[in-house]
Amino acid sequence: MPMQPYTIHSANWRDLGDLRRIEEEVFPKDAWPIWDLIGVLTLPSTVRLKAVTDGHMIGFAAGDPRRREDTGWVTTIGVLKAFQHNGIGAALLAATEQQLALPRIRLCVRRSNLPAVHLYEHAGYKQVEVWNAYYNDGEDGLIFEKISSLMETKD
């Protein structure tokens, strides 16, 4: 079945139910608690984007701009399983990077999440650090970083 077209829009507090479903499906071990979801949908400086097809949220990404550090963090990115491997995650990642508009972007991913690792590497990220036993079950978190050409010319 061909992929239906999707669009990317800003998310807001009205998307709480859809975001909760995405978190629980995509991150069964690490789904954010309700207060974190409310925060990501309402905190003023947070970048929050949703992918929508046929009126339904099928993906979500958020970013935390840390301007004093010239760094933005992609705090979460997830696509419902039925819609994965169609470029939606890559599109959400690129849109989040664009809205963060900072020279350095970082993110953390489970060591075992090879599809996400490949996505980030394909998007130009390099592994720069390991946070040992970062996740609830003791799995390591891999820290990836992407430096824009603006940063490279500034150094």
C-alpha atoms as a PDB file:
ATOM      1  CA  MET A   1       0.000   0.000   0.000  1.00  0.00           C
ATOM      2  CA  PRO A   2       1.528   3.361  -1.006  1.00  0.00           C
ATOM      3  CA  MET A   3       2.315   5.912   1.678  1.00  0.00           C
ATOM      4  CA  GLN A   4      -0.286   8.660   2.022  1.00  0.00           C
ATOM      5  CA  PRO A   5       1.045  12.200   1.851  1.00  0.00           C
ATOM      6  CA  TYR A   6       1.820  13.806   5.198  1.00  0.00           C
ATOM      7  CA  THR A   7       2.482  17.317   6.429  1.00  0.00           C
ATOM      8  CA  ILE A   8       4.529  18.648   9.320  1.00  0.00           C
ATOM      9  CA  HIS A   9       3.002  21.241  11.647  1.00  0.00           C
ATOM     10  CA  SER A  10       3.631  22.721  15.068  1.00  0.00           C
ATOM     11  CA  ALA A  11       2.117  20.678  17.880  1.00  0.00           C
ATOM     12  CA  ASN A  12       0.321  22.054  20.942  1.00  0.00           C
ATOM     13  CA  TRP A  13      -1.458  20.922  24.109  1.00  0.00           C
ATOM     14  CA  ARG A  14      -4.448  19.696  22.079  1.00  0.00           C
ATOM     15  CA  ASP A  15      -2.173  16.938  20.728  1.00  0.00           C
ATOM     16  CA  LEU A  16      -1.631  15.392  24.170  1.00  0.00           C
ATOM     17  CA  GLY A  17      -3.716  12.256  23.547  1.00  0.00           C
ATOM     18  CA  ASP A  18      -2.107  11.533  20.175  1.00  0.00           C
ATOM     19  CA  LEU A  19       1.376  12.172  21.549  1.00  0.00           C
ATOM     20  CA  ARG A  20       0.718   9.835  24.463  1.00  0.00           C
ATOM     21  CA  ARG A  21      -0.281   7.046  22.045  1.00  0.00           C
ATOM     22  CA  ILE A  22       2.871   7.590  19.969  1.00  0.00           C
ATOM     23  CA  GLU A  23       5.112   7.565  23.053  1.00  0.00           C
ATOM     24  CA  GLU A  24       3.576   4.340  24.374  1.00  0.00           C
ATOM     25  CA  GLU A  25       3.839   2.548  21.024  1.00  0.00           C
ATOM     26  CA  VAL A  26       7.274   3.751  19.951  1.00  0.00           C
ATOM     27  CA  PHE A  27       8.995   3.862  23.349  1.00  0.00           C
ATOM     28  CA  PRO A  28       7.368   1.122  25.462  1.00  0.00           C
ATOM     29  CA  LYS A  29      10.342   1.031  27.868  1.00  0.00           C
ATOM     30  CA  ASP A  30      10.875   4.788  28.022  1.00  0.00           C
ATOM     31  CA  ALA A  31       7.528   6.501  27.384  1.00  0.00           C
ATOM     32  CA  TRP A  32       7.485   9.906  29.021  1.00  0.00           C
ATOM     33  CA  PRO A  33       5.109  10.398  31.944  1.00  0.00           C
ATOM     34  CA  ILE A  34       2.088  12.631  31.395  1.00  0.00           C
ATOM     35  CA  TRP A  35       3.753  15.684  33.026  1.00  0.00           C
ATOM     36  CA  ASP A  36       6.710  15.498  30.637  1.00  0.00           C
ATOM     37  CA  LEU A  37       4.315  15.269  27.693  1.00  0.00           C
ATOM     38  CA  ILE A  38       2.406  18.315  28.928  1.00  0.00           C
ATOM     39  CA  GLY A  39       5.709  20.143  29.335  1.00  0.00           C
ATOM     40  CA  VAL A  40       6.977  19.339  25.851  1.00  0.00           C
ATOM     41  CA  LEU A  41       3.674  20.572  24.411  1.00  0.00           C
ATOM     42  CA  THR A  42       3.513  23.815  26.404  1.00  0.00           C
ATOM     43  CA  LEU A  43       6.962  25.125  27.410  1.00  0.00           C
ATOM     44  CA  PRO A  44       7.527  28.311  25.424  1.00  0.00           C
ATOM     45  CA  SER A  45      11.005  27.707  23.969  1.00  0.00           C
ATOM     46  CA  THR A  46      10.454  24.058  23.021  1.00  0.00           C
ATOM     47  CA  VAL A  47      10.367  23.116  19.346  1.00  0.00           C
ATOM     48  CA  ARG A  48       7.481  20.657  18.874  1.00  0.00           C
ATOM     49  CA  LEU A  49       6.478  19.254  15.521  1.00  0.00           C
ATOM     50  CA  LYS A  50       3.988  16.646  14.427  1.00  0.00           C
ATOM     51  CA  ALA A  51       3.644  14.686  11.219  1.00  0.00           C
ATOM     52  CA  VAL A  52       0.012  14.369  10.164  1.00  0.00           C
ATOM     53  CA  THR A  53      -1.724  12.272   7.540  1.00  0.00           C
ATOM     54  CA  ASP A  54      -5.454  12.062   6.974  1.00  0.00           C
ATOM     55  CA  GLY A  55      -6.024  14.249  10.048  1.00  0.00           C
ATOM     56  CA  HIS A  56      -4.090  11.965  12.415  1.00  0.00           C
ATOM     57  CA  MET A  57      -0.742  12.489  14.127  1.00  0.00           C
ATOM     58  CA  ILE A  58       1.639   9.763  12.973  1.00  0.00           C
ATOM     59  CA  GLY A  59       4.931  11.176  14.224  1.00  0.00           C
ATOM     60  CA  PHE A  60       6.353  13.689  16.653  1.00  0.00           C
ATOM     61  CA  ALA A  61       9.669  15.396  17.341  1.00  0.00           C
ATOM     62  CA  ALA A  62      10.759  17.929  19.927  1.00  0.00           C
ATOM     63  CA  GLY A  63      13.833  20.026  20.476  1.00  0.00           C
ATOM     64  CA  ASP A  64      15.314  22.006  23.341  1.00  0.00           C
ATOM     65  CA  PRO A  65      17.292  25.077  22.244  1.00  0.00           C
ATOM     66  CA  ARG A  66      20.170  25.922  24.559  1.00  0.00           C
ATOM     67  CA  ARG A  67      21.293  29.200  23.055  1.00  0.00           C
ATOM     68  CA  ARG A  68      23.962  29.947  25.672  1.00  0.00           C
ATOM     69  CA  GLU A  69      25.697  26.726  24.624  1.00  0.00           C
ATOM     70  CA  ASP A  70      25.031  27.211  20.869  1.00  0.00           C
ATOM     71  CA  THR A  71      23.479  23.741  21.075  1.00  0.00           C
ATOM     72  CA  GLY A  72      20.051  22.320  20.439  1.00  0.00           C
ATOM     73  CA  TRP A  73      18.965  18.923  21.739  1.00  0.00           C
ATOM     74  CA  VAL A  74      16.528  16.729  19.855  1.00  0.00           C
ATOM     75  CA  THR A  75      14.720  15.433  22.923  1.00  0.00           C
ATOM     76  CA  THR A  76      12.399  12.955  21.232  1.00  0.00           C
ATOM     77  CA  ILE A  77      11.499  11.737  17.796  1.00  0.00           C
ATOM     78  CA  GLY A  78       9.091   8.927  17.032  1.00  0.00           C
ATOM     79  CA  VAL A  79       6.890   7.636  14.233  1.00  0.00           C
ATOM     80  CA  LEU A  80       4.060   5.130  14.610  1.00  0.00           C
ATOM     81  CA  LYS A  81       5.225   1.676  13.513  1.00  0.00           C
ATOM     82  CA  ALA A  82       2.773   1.462  10.606  1.00  0.00           C
ATOM     83  CA  PHE A  83       4.350   4.597   9.100  1.00  0.00           C
ATOM     84  CA  GLN A  84       8.048   3.926   9.760  1.00  0.00           C
ATOM     85  CA  HIS A  85      10.573   3.555   6.915  1.00  0.00           C
ATOM     86  CA  ASN A  86       8.830   6.164   4.771  1.00  0.00           C
ATOM     87  CA  GLY A  87      11.123   9.141   5.455  1.00  0.00           C
ATOM     88  CA  ILE A  88       8.883  10.693   8.103  1.00  0.00           C
ATOM     89  CA  GLY A  89      11.494  10.429  10.865  1.00  0.00           C
ATOM     90  CA  ALA A  90      14.118  12.017   8.626  1.00  0.00           C
ATOM     91  CA  ALA A  91      11.701  14.820   7.700  1.00  0.00           C
ATOM     92  CA  LEU A  92      10.846  15.469  11.358  1.00  0.00           C
ATOM     93  CA  LEU A  93      14.550  15.480  12.249  1.00  0.00           C
ATOM     94  CA  ALA A  94      15.386  17.978   9.486  1.00  0.00           C
ATOM     95  CA  ALA A  95      12.460  20.224  10.419  1.00  0.00           C
ATOM     96  CA  THR A  96      13.468  20.144  14.098  1.00  0.00           C
ATOM     97  CA  GLU A  97      17.063  21.037  13.223  1.00  0.00           C
ATOM     98  CA  GLN A  98      15.823  23.913  11.072  1.00  0.00           C
ATOM     99  CA  GLN A  99      13.601  25.301  13.835  1.00  0.00           C
ATOM    100  CA  LEU A 100      16.304  24.910  16.478  1.00  0.00           C
ATOM    101  CA  ALA A 101      18.538  27.007  14.190  1.00  0.00           C
ATOM    102  CA  LEU A 102      21.674  26.391  16.237  1.00  0.00           C
ATOM    103  CA  PRO A 103      25.158  25.445  15.001  1.00  0.00           C
ATOM    104  CA  ARG A 104      25.373  22.252  17.061  1.00  0.00           C
ATOM    105  CA  ILE A 105      22.596  19.685  17.433  1.00  0.00           C
ATOM    106  CA  ARG A 106      22.799  16.749  19.821  1.00  0.00           C
ATOM    107  CA  LEU A 107      20.588  13.797  20.641  1.00  0.00           C
ATOM    108  CA  CYS A 108      20.629  10.589  22.663  1.00  0.00           C
ATOM    109  CA  VAL A 109      19.603   7.171  21.364  1.00  0.00           C
ATOM    110  CA  ARG A 110      19.543   3.661  22.783  1.00  0.00           C
ATOM    111  CA  ARG A 111      22.573   1.648  21.748  1.00  0.00           C
ATOM    112  CA  SER A 112      20.240  -1.114  20.460  1.00  0.00           C
ATOM    113  CA  ASN A 113      18.092   1.209  18.317  1.00  0.00           C
ATOM    114  CA  LEU A 114      19.983   0.522  15.099  1.00  0.00           C
ATOM    115  CA  PRO A 115      17.362   1.973  12.716  1.00  0.00           C
ATOM    116  CA  ALA A 116      17.571   5.302  14.575  1.00  0.00           C
ATOM    117  CA  VAL A 117      21.383   5.162  14.690  1.00  0.00           C
ATOM    118  CA  HIS A 118      21.440   4.671  10.903  1.00  0.00           C
ATOM    119  CA  LEU A 119      18.976   7.537  10.428  1.00  0.00           C
ATOM    120  CA  TYR A 120      21.161   9.886  12.452  1.00  0.00           C
ATOM    121  CA  GLU A 121      24.373   8.815  10.738  1.00  0.00           C
ATOM    122  CA  HIS A 122      22.728   9.271   7.329  1.00  0.00           C
ATOM    123  CA  ALA A 123      21.673  12.781   8.424  1.00  0.00           C
ATOM    124  CA  GLY A 124      25.293  13.686   9.206  1.00  0.00           C
ATOM    125  CA  TYR A 125      25.487  12.949  12.929  1.00  0.00           C
ATOM    126  CA  LYS A 126      28.575  11.449  14.549  1.00  0.00           C
ATOM    127  CA  GLN A 127      28.720   9.600  17.851  1.00  0.00           C
ATOM    128  CA  VAL A 128      30.623  11.737  20.364  1.00  0.00           C
ATOM    129  CA  GLU A 129      29.883  10.193  23.744  1.00  0.00           C
ATOM    130  CA  VAL A 130      28.323   7.275  25.619  1.00  0.00           C
ATOM    131  CA  TRP A 131      26.145   7.737  28.680  1.00  0.00           C
ATOM    132  CA  ASN A 132      26.558   4.418  30.466  1.00  0.00           C
ATOM    133  CA  ALA A 133      23.361   2.827  31.818  1.00  0.00           C
ATOM    134  CA  TYR A 134      21.375   5.928  30.858  1.00  0.00           C
ATOM    135  CA  TYR A 135      18.033   4.241  30.235  1.00  0.00           C
ATOM    136  CA  ASN A 136      15.718   2.791  32.909  1.00  0.00           C
ATOM    137  CA  ASP A 137      16.724  -0.782  32.084  1.00  0.00           C
ATOM    138  CA  GLY A 138      20.457  -0.016  32.210  1.00  0.00           C
ATOM    139  CA  GLU A 139      21.063   0.258  28.465  1.00  0.00           C
ATOM    140  CA  ASP A 140      23.628   2.809  27.326  1.00  0.00           C
ATOM    141  CA  GLY A 141      22.641   6.000  25.569  1.00  0.00           C
ATOM    142  CA  LEU A 142      24.721   7.033  22.596  1.00  0.00           C
ATOM    143  CA  ILE A 143      25.179  10.772  22.163  1.00  0.00           C
ATOM    144  CA  PHE A 144      25.259  11.930  18.574  1.00  0.00           C
ATOM    145  CA  GLU A 145      26.177  15.400  17.374  1.00  0.00           C
ATOM    146  CA  LYS A 146      25.873  17.317  14.142  1.00  0.00           C
ATOM    147  CA  ILE A 147      27.781  20.512  13.568  1.00  0.00           C
ATOM    148  CA  SER A 148      26.557  22.856  10.879  1.00  0.00           C
ATOM    149  CA  SER A 149      28.818  24.564   8.385  1.00  0.00           C
ATOM    150  CA  LEU A 150      28.204  27.818  10.296  1.00  0.00           C
ATOM    151  CA  MET A 151      29.947  26.346  13.350  1.00  0.00           C
ATOM    152  CA  GLU A 152      32.821  24.910  11.322  1.00  0.00           C
ATOM    153  CA  THR A 153      33.628  28.319   9.806  1.00  0.00           C
ATOM    154  CA  LYS A 154      33.286  30.021  13.206  1.00  0.00           C
ATOM    155  CA  ASP A 155      35.915  27.800  14.900  1.00  0.00           C
END
